[in-house]
């Protein structure tokens, strides 16, 4: 090889390094620009797919803080064909595999890690190999492993280069910190039982959205929902059954909401949905969608396994330029909900003077 050819190779190598560093800087900015936990996970997986040119990516994370295990969450996998058993598979944090990554927190291919003597009997490795994993990358935050990236083979069927593994190690460190921050933020703003935003968060975001309406002339709608005769339900079936109902009703609200909507727990069995940009007609249709999904819902009584059903009343209000504060918009939604409750329940009503 001539001196010029050698120089060109070295030059290309450093150009690639500079390009990778610029990419990581942009990725870091993107990951740290959001505290939306689900959106963040989706963004990390998409970055992995694009950077490594693979069609398969998954991320094992702690479903709850200090639970002591990693598991796939509903939104934390792309491309892998998974069964229900795969979704429920747990990787305990106190296992040889995770201990290995705590000592050597870097990307490693399956071929390489299967040669590690201390891991030759690892059931987690055998499972991940059967799943189709080709490379594993630990997520790190505050000196501990807080997740595991699992990536499939490259579309080109080429081997993973050392530069690519270094890139993924750095990316996983950035992702680990971003995931940790988003999880802490979620714990501070989400009602852990229902998965809905807490009352204070609801009030803060509603105020922000109302300010946006005043400045930009956009629309805003608010839904208030209430489980019909919930006190009677609790007295009849017990509070455990009542909690199951609240969790399932909240799930209908979350599923019906779009990404820019804000589902929240106002208090007790009263839930709400802030709908930026929505007209009264759109909000009414959304209220009916949620009401019907709850009406069709069947939940199991945790005490005896019996089928239980509930209904929901919904009140709708929309932003007015004369609204002074949150109270005005909330009061109208609450009055519409009151009217729905006192005109037969299990219905959606929009506020009218």
Protein backbone atom coordinates (compact mmCIF):
# COMPACT_ATOMS: atom_id res chain seq x y z
CA UNK A 1 0.00 0.00 0.00
CA UNK A 2 1.38 3.39 -0.99
CA UNK A 3 1.80 6.27 1.44
CA UNK A 4 -1.01 8.17 -0.29
CA UNK A 5 -3.41 5.20 0.01
CA UNK A 6 -2.53 4.78 3.67
CA UNK A 7 -3.05 8.51 4.27
CA UNK A 8 -6.43 8.37 2.52
CA UNK A 9 -7.56 5.48 4.75
CA UNK A 10 -6.50 7.33 7.91
CA UNK A 11 -8.22 10.47 6.65
CA UNK A 12 -11.45 8.56 5.93
CA UNK A 13 -11.28 7.00 9.39
CA UNK A 14 -11.07 10.40 11.09
CA UNK A 15 -13.79 11.80 8.86
CA UNK A 16 -16.03 8.93 10.01
CA UNK A 17 -15.15 9.66 13.65
CA UNK A 18 -16.06 13.34 13.23
CA UNK A 19 -19.31 12.41 11.49
CA UNK A 20 -20.21 9.97 14.29
CA UNK A 21 -19.50 12.59 16.94
CA UNK A 22 -21.76 15.09 15.16
CA UNK A 23 -24.46 12.43 14.94
CA UNK A 24 -24.18 11.66 18.64
CA UNK A 25 -24.39 15.36 19.47
CA UNK A 26 -27.62 15.69 17.47
CA UNK A 27 -28.99 12.49 19.00
CA UNK A 28 -28.15 13.73 22.49
CA UNK A 29 -30.02 16.97 21.83
CA UNK A 30 -33.02 15.05 20.53
CA UNK A 31 -33.12 12.60 23.44
CA UNK A 32 -32.80 15.34 26.04
CA UNK A 33 -35.45 17.55 24.43
CA UNK A 34 -38.32 15.42 25.73
CA UNK A 35 -39.42 13.93 29.04
CA UNK A 36 -42.24 11.96 27.42
CA UNK A 37 -41.29 8.41 28.43
CA UNK A 38 -43.11 6.52 25.66
CA UNK A 39 -42.02 8.93 22.93
CA UNK A 40 -38.42 8.72 24.16
CA UNK A 41 -38.35 4.91 23.97
CA UNK A 42 -39.77 5.02 20.45
CA UNK A 43 -37.15 7.58 19.42
CA UNK A 44 -34.27 5.49 20.81
CA UNK A 45 -35.43 2.37 18.95
CA UNK A 46 -35.82 4.28 15.68
CA UNK A 47 -32.31 5.71 16.04
CA UNK A 48 -30.92 2.19 16.57
CA UNK A 49 -32.73 0.87 13.50
CA UNK A 50 -31.41 3.69 11.35
CA UNK A 51 -27.83 3.78 12.64
CA UNK A 52 -27.18 0.02 12.54
CA UNK A 53 -29.35 -0.75 9.50
CA UNK A 54 -31.29 -3.48 11.26
CA UNK A 55 -35.01 -4.26 11.21
CA UNK A 56 -35.14 -5.55 14.79
CA UNK A 57 -34.70 -3.60 18.01
CA UNK A 58 -36.02 -4.03 21.54
CA UNK A 59 -35.33 -2.46 24.91
CA UNK A 60 -35.65 -4.21 28.27
CA UNK A 61 -36.46 -1.73 31.03
CA UNK A 62 -37.68 -1.77 34.62
CA UNK A 63 -41.50 -1.63 34.43
CA UNK A 64 -41.55 -0.11 37.91
CA UNK A 65 -38.83 1.53 39.94
CA UNK A 66 -36.84 -0.78 42.24
CA UNK A 67 -38.69 -3.86 40.96
CA UNK A 68 -35.38 -5.66 40.40
CA UNK A 69 -36.02 -6.89 36.85
CA UNK A 70 -36.07 -5.83 33.21
CA UNK A 71 -39.01 -6.54 30.91
CA UNK A 72 -40.25 -5.51 27.48
CA UNK A 73 -42.87 -2.79 27.69
CA UNK A 74 -45.66 -2.56 25.06
CA UNK A 75 -43.91 0.24 23.17
CA UNK A 76 -40.33 -0.99 23.59
CA UNK A 77 -39.93 -3.36 20.65
CA UNK A 78 -39.81 -3.07 16.86
CA UNK A 79 -39.52 -5.83 14.26
CA UNK A 80 -39.20 -8.87 16.51
CA UNK A 81 -42.05 -11.38 16.25
CA UNK A 82 -43.03 -11.80 19.89
CA UNK A 83 -45.51 -14.00 21.69
CA UNK A 84 -47.25 -13.08 24.93
CA UNK A 85 -44.66 -15.20 26.75
CA UNK A 86 -41.89 -13.10 25.13
CA UNK A 87 -43.48 -9.89 26.41
CA UNK A 88 -43.66 -11.38 29.90
CA UNK A 89 -40.08 -12.71 29.93
CA UNK A 90 -38.10 -11.13 32.76
CA UNK A 91 -34.36 -10.56 33.04
CA UNK A 92 -33.53 -10.28 36.71
CA UNK A 93 -31.11 -7.47 37.57
CA UNK A 94 -29.25 -9.72 40.03
CA UNK A 95 -28.06 -12.18 37.35
CA UNK A 96 -24.64 -12.99 35.83
CA UNK A 97 -25.62 -11.27 32.54
CA UNK A 98 -26.38 -7.92 34.15
CA UNK A 99 -23.39 -8.23 36.51
CA UNK A 100 -21.21 -8.75 33.43
CA UNK A 101 -22.52 -5.53 31.85
CA UNK A 102 -21.97 -3.63 35.10
CA UNK A 103 -18.29 -4.57 34.90
CA UNK A 104 -18.03 -4.13 31.12
CA UNK A 105 -20.65 -1.59 30.04
CA UNK A 106 -20.20 -1.77 26.28
CA UNK A 107 -21.84 -3.24 23.19
CA UNK A 108 -21.02 -6.86 22.45
CA UNK A 109 -22.14 -9.32 19.77
CA UNK A 110 -23.85 -12.57 20.69
CA UNK A 111 -20.95 -14.56 19.21
CA UNK A 112 -18.54 -12.76 21.55
CA UNK A 113 -20.63 -12.91 24.73
CA UNK A 114 -21.43 -16.62 24.30
CA UNK A 115 -17.69 -17.26 24.71
CA UNK A 116 -17.62 -15.66 28.17
CA UNK A 117 -16.99 -18.48 30.63
CA UNK A 118 -19.12 -17.03 33.45
CA UNK A 119 -22.13 -16.81 31.12
CA UNK A 120 -22.02 -20.23 29.46
CA UNK A 121 -25.07 -21.41 31.46
CA UNK A 122 -27.02 -18.14 31.23
CA UNK A 123 -30.67 -18.87 30.43
CA UNK A 124 -31.12 -15.18 29.54
CA UNK A 125 -28.47 -15.43 26.80
CA UNK A 126 -29.99 -18.60 25.41
CA UNK A 127 -33.39 -16.95 25.35
CA UNK A 128 -32.11 -13.79 23.62
CA UNK A 129 -30.28 -15.86 21.02
CA UNK A 130 -33.51 -17.74 20.22
CA UNK A 131 -35.29 -14.40 20.00
CA UNK A 132 -32.92 -13.37 17.20
CA UNK A 133 -30.53 -11.07 19.05
CA UNK A 134 -27.22 -10.29 17.31
CA UNK A 135 -25.83 -7.57 19.54
CA UNK A 136 -26.52 -6.50 23.15
CA UNK A 137 -25.93 -3.00 24.51
CA UNK A 138 -26.40 -2.05 28.19
CA UNK A 139 -28.04 1.27 29.08
CA UNK A 140 -26.27 3.10 31.89
CA UNK A 141 -27.24 5.90 34.25
CA UNK A 142 -25.59 7.00 37.51
CA UNK A 143 -23.13 4.11 37.43
CA UNK A 144 -25.69 1.30 37.10
CA UNK A 145 -27.27 -0.67 34.27
CA UNK A 146 -30.86 0.57 33.86
CA UNK A 147 -31.81 -1.25 30.68
CA UNK A 148 -30.69 -3.52 27.86
CA UNK A 149 -30.83 -2.85 24.12
CA UNK A 150 -31.29 -5.95 21.97
CA UNK A 151 -30.64 -5.61 18.23
CA UNK A 152 -31.12 -8.09 15.41
CA UNK A 153 -28.92 -8.81 12.40
CA UNK A 154 -28.01 -6.11 9.91
CA UNK A 155 -29.99 -5.89 6.68
CA UNK A 156 -26.72 -6.29 4.76
CA UNK A 157 -25.91 -9.47 6.79
CA UNK A 158 -22.46 -7.98 7.44
CA UNK A 159 -20.79 -8.26 10.83
CA UNK A 160 -20.96 -5.38 13.28
CA UNK A 161 -17.79 -3.30 13.08
CA UNK A 162 -15.87 -2.08 16.14
CA UNK A 163 -16.74 1.52 15.23
CA UNK A 164 -20.42 0.60 15.21
CA UNK A 165 -20.16 -1.07 18.60
CA UNK A 166 -18.38 1.98 20.03
CA UNK A 167 -21.08 4.20 18.58
CA UNK A 168 -23.85 2.08 20.12
CA UNK A 169 -22.09 2.05 23.51
CA UNK A 170 -22.01 5.85 23.57
CA UNK A 171 -25.58 6.06 22.29
CA UNK A 172 -26.75 3.64 25.01
CA UNK A 173 -25.09 5.79 27.69
CA UNK A 174 -26.93 8.86 26.38
CA UNK A 175 -30.16 6.88 26.16
CA UNK A 176 -29.74 5.50 29.68
CA UNK A 177 -29.51 9.00 31.17
CA UNK A 178 -32.47 10.24 29.10
CA UNK A 179 -34.61 7.23 30.10
CA UNK A 180 -33.71 7.72 33.77
CA UNK A 181 -34.68 11.40 33.64
CA UNK A 182 -37.94 10.63 31.85
CA UNK A 183 -38.82 7.87 34.32
CA UNK A 184 -38.21 10.17 37.31
CA UNK A 185 -40.33 12.87 35.67
CA UNK A 186 -43.08 10.34 35.02
CA UNK A 187 -43.02 9.21 38.65
CA UNK A 188 -43.45 12.84 39.72
CA UNK A 189 -46.33 13.60 37.33
CA UNK A 190 -48.25 10.35 36.85
CA UNK A 191 -50.80 8.68 39.11
CA UNK A 192 -49.19 5.26 39.54
CA UNK A 193 -52.45 3.32 39.85
CA UNK A 194 -54.19 4.60 36.71
CA UNK A 195 -51.29 5.85 34.59
CA UNK A 196 -53.05 9.22 34.21
CA UNK A 197 -51.40 12.58 34.86
CA UNK A 198 -51.89 13.94 38.38
CA UNK A 199 -54.11 16.91 39.27
CA UNK A 200 -51.30 19.47 39.55
CA UNK A 201 -49.89 18.52 36.14
CA UNK A 202 -53.38 18.79 34.64
CA UNK A 203 -53.88 22.31 36.02
CA UNK A 204 -50.45 23.43 34.81
CA UNK A 205 -50.88 22.10 31.27
CA UNK A 206 -54.45 23.39 31.01
CA UNK A 207 -53.23 26.88 31.91
CA UNK A 208 -50.48 26.63 29.26
CA UNK A 209 -52.96 25.52 26.59
CA UNK A 210 -55.39 28.32 27.47
CA UNK A 211 -52.56 30.85 27.15
CA UNK A 212 -51.75 29.41 23.73
CA UNK A 213 -55.38 29.86 22.70
CA UNK A 214 -55.33 33.52 23.79
CA UNK A 215 -52.11 34.27 21.91
CA UNK A 216 -52.63 32.25 18.73
CA UNK A 217 -56.39 31.94 18.45
CA UNK A 218 -56.29 28.13 18.54
CA UNK A 219 -59.05 25.89 19.87
CA UNK A 220 -59.16 23.86 23.06
CA UNK A 221 -61.66 21.37 24.49
CA UNK A 222 -61.97 19.69 27.87
CA UNK A 223 -63.71 16.42 28.73
CA UNK A 224 -64.77 15.59 32.27
CA UNK A 225 -65.77 11.96 32.95
CA UNK A 226 -67.22 10.25 35.98
CA UNK A 227 -67.97 6.56 36.64
CA UNK A 228 -71.71 6.26 37.24
CA UNK A 229 -72.82 5.27 40.76
CA UNK A 230 -69.24 4.48 41.73
CA UNK A 231 -69.88 4.78 45.48
CA UNK A 232 -72.64 2.18 45.20
CA UNK A 233 -70.29 -0.01 43.15
CA UNK A 234 -67.59 0.21 45.86
CA UNK A 235 -70.09 -0.50 48.62
CA UNK A 236 -71.39 -3.53 46.70
CA UNK A 237 -68.19 -5.12 45.38
CA UNK A 238 -65.45 -3.62 47.54
CA UNK A 239 -62.64 -1.14 46.96
CA UNK A 240 -60.35 -3.67 45.27
CA UNK A 241 -62.95 -4.18 42.55
CA UNK A 242 -63.36 -0.41 42.39
CA UNK A 243 -59.62 0.04 41.82
CA UNK A 244 -59.71 -2.48 38.95
CA UNK A 245 -62.55 -0.51 37.35
CA UNK A 246 -60.67 2.80 37.68
CA UNK A 247 -57.57 1.26 36.07
CA UNK A 248 -59.59 -0.10 33.15
CA UNK A 249 -61.57 3.12 32.63
CA UNK A 250 -58.30 5.07 32.67
CA UNK A 251 -56.91 2.70 30.03
CA UNK A 252 -59.87 3.50 27.74
CA UNK A 253 -59.19 7.21 28.20
CA UNK A 254 -55.47 6.80 27.45
CA UNK A 255 -56.12 4.58 24.42
CA UNK A 256 -58.67 7.00 22.98
CA UNK A 257 -56.46 10.06 23.48
CA UNK A 258 -53.97 11.13 20.85
CA UNK A 259 -50.34 11.94 21.56
CA UNK A 260 -50.97 15.67 22.07
CA UNK A 261 -53.97 15.05 24.36
CA UNK A 262 -53.52 15.10 28.13
CA UNK A 263 -55.46 12.42 30.07
CA UNK A 264 -55.48 13.17 33.79
CA UNK A 265 -57.04 12.17 37.10
CA UNK A 266 -58.94 15.13 38.51
CA UNK A 267 -59.85 13.33 41.71
CA UNK A 268 -61.35 10.03 42.86
CA UNK A 269 -63.24 8.47 39.94
CA UNK A 270 -63.37 11.75 38.01
CA UNK A 271 -61.01 11.75 35.02
CA UNK A 272 -60.46 14.37 32.34
CA UNK A 273 -58.97 14.80 28.89
CA UNK A 274 -57.43 18.08 27.68
CA UNK A 275 -57.74 18.28 23.88
CA UNK A 276 -55.61 21.05 22.30
CA UNK A 277 -56.88 22.08 18.86
CA UNK A 278 -60.22 20.26 19.20
CA UNK A 279 -63.60 21.75 18.27
CA UNK A 280 -66.74 21.11 20.32
CA UNK A 281 -67.91 18.56 17.73
CA UNK A 282 -64.58 16.70 17.83
CA UNK A 283 -64.58 16.69 21.62
CA UNK A 284 -68.16 15.41 21.76
CA UNK A 285 -67.27 12.59 19.33
CA UNK A 286 -64.25 11.70 21.48
CA UNK A 287 -66.43 11.71 24.58
CA UNK A 288 -68.85 9.31 22.92
CA UNK A 289 -65.97 7.08 21.81
CA UNK A 290 -64.69 6.83 25.39
CA UNK A 291 -68.19 6.37 26.85
CA UNK A 292 -69.02 3.53 24.46
CA UNK A 293 -65.69 1.78 25.06
CA UNK A 294 -66.36 1.84 28.82
CA UNK A 295 -69.93 0.61 28.32
CA UNK A 296 -68.59 -2.36 26.30
CA UNK A 297 -65.89 -3.08 28.87
CA UNK A 298 -66.02 -6.16 31.12
CA UNK A 299 -63.74 -6.42 34.15
CA UNK A 300 -63.18 -9.33 36.51
CA UNK A 301 -63.99 -9.00 40.18
CA UNK A 302 -60.65 -9.71 41.94
CA UNK A 303 -62.56 -11.26 44.85
CA UNK A 304 -64.61 -13.92 43.04
CA UNK A 305 -63.79 -13.63 39.30
CA UNK A 306 -67.32 -12.50 38.38
CA UNK A 307 -67.84 -10.22 35.37
CA UNK A 308 -68.50 -6.59 36.27
CA UNK A 309 -69.68 -3.69 34.12
CA UNK A 310 -69.91 0.06 34.64
CA UNK A 311 -70.98 3.09 32.62
CA UNK A 312 -69.53 6.57 32.25
CA UNK A 313 -70.98 10.06 32.01
CA UNK A 314 -69.06 12.73 30.08
CA UNK A 315 -69.21 16.53 30.10
CA UNK A 316 -67.66 18.67 27.36
CA UNK A 317 -66.61 22.32 27.35
CA UNK A 318 -64.53 24.45 24.99
CA UNK A 319 -62.29 27.47 25.47
CA UNK A 320 -63.80 30.95 25.24
CA UNK A 321 -61.84 34.17 24.80
CA UNK A 322 -63.64 35.52 27.89
CA UNK A 323 -62.25 32.73 30.12
CA UNK A 324 -60.21 34.33 32.89
CA UNK A 325 -58.52 31.18 34.17
CA UNK A 326 -58.72 27.37 34.42
CA UNK A 327 -61.72 27.59 36.73
CA UNK A 328 -64.03 28.96 34.03
CA UNK A 329 -63.35 26.15 31.56
CA UNK A 330 -63.42 23.46 34.27
CA UNK A 331 -66.67 24.80 35.72
CA UNK A 332 -68.47 24.51 32.38
CA UNK A 333 -67.21 20.94 31.83
CA UNK A 334 -68.31 20.05 35.36
CA UNK A 335 -71.79 21.54 34.79
CA UNK A 336 -72.13 19.53 31.56
CA UNK A 337 -71.06 16.40 33.45
CA UNK A 338 -73.63 17.19 36.19
CA UNK A 339 -76.32 17.48 33.52
CA UNK A 340 -75.27 14.14 32.01
CA UNK A 341 -75.44 12.47 35.43
CA UNK A 342 -78.85 13.93 36.25
CA UNK A 343 -80.48 13.26 32.90
CA UNK A 344 -80.04 9.50 32.95
CA UNK A 345 -76.25 8.85 33.13
CA UNK A 346 -74.18 6.95 30.51
CA UNK A 347 -74.24 9.84 28.07
CA UNK A 348 -72.11 12.69 26.75
CA UNK A 349 -73.34 16.28 26.99
CA UNK A 350 -71.72 19.49 25.75
CA UNK A 351 -72.12 22.58 27.91
CA UNK A 352 -74.93 24.94 26.88
CA UNK A 353 -75.98 28.14 28.60
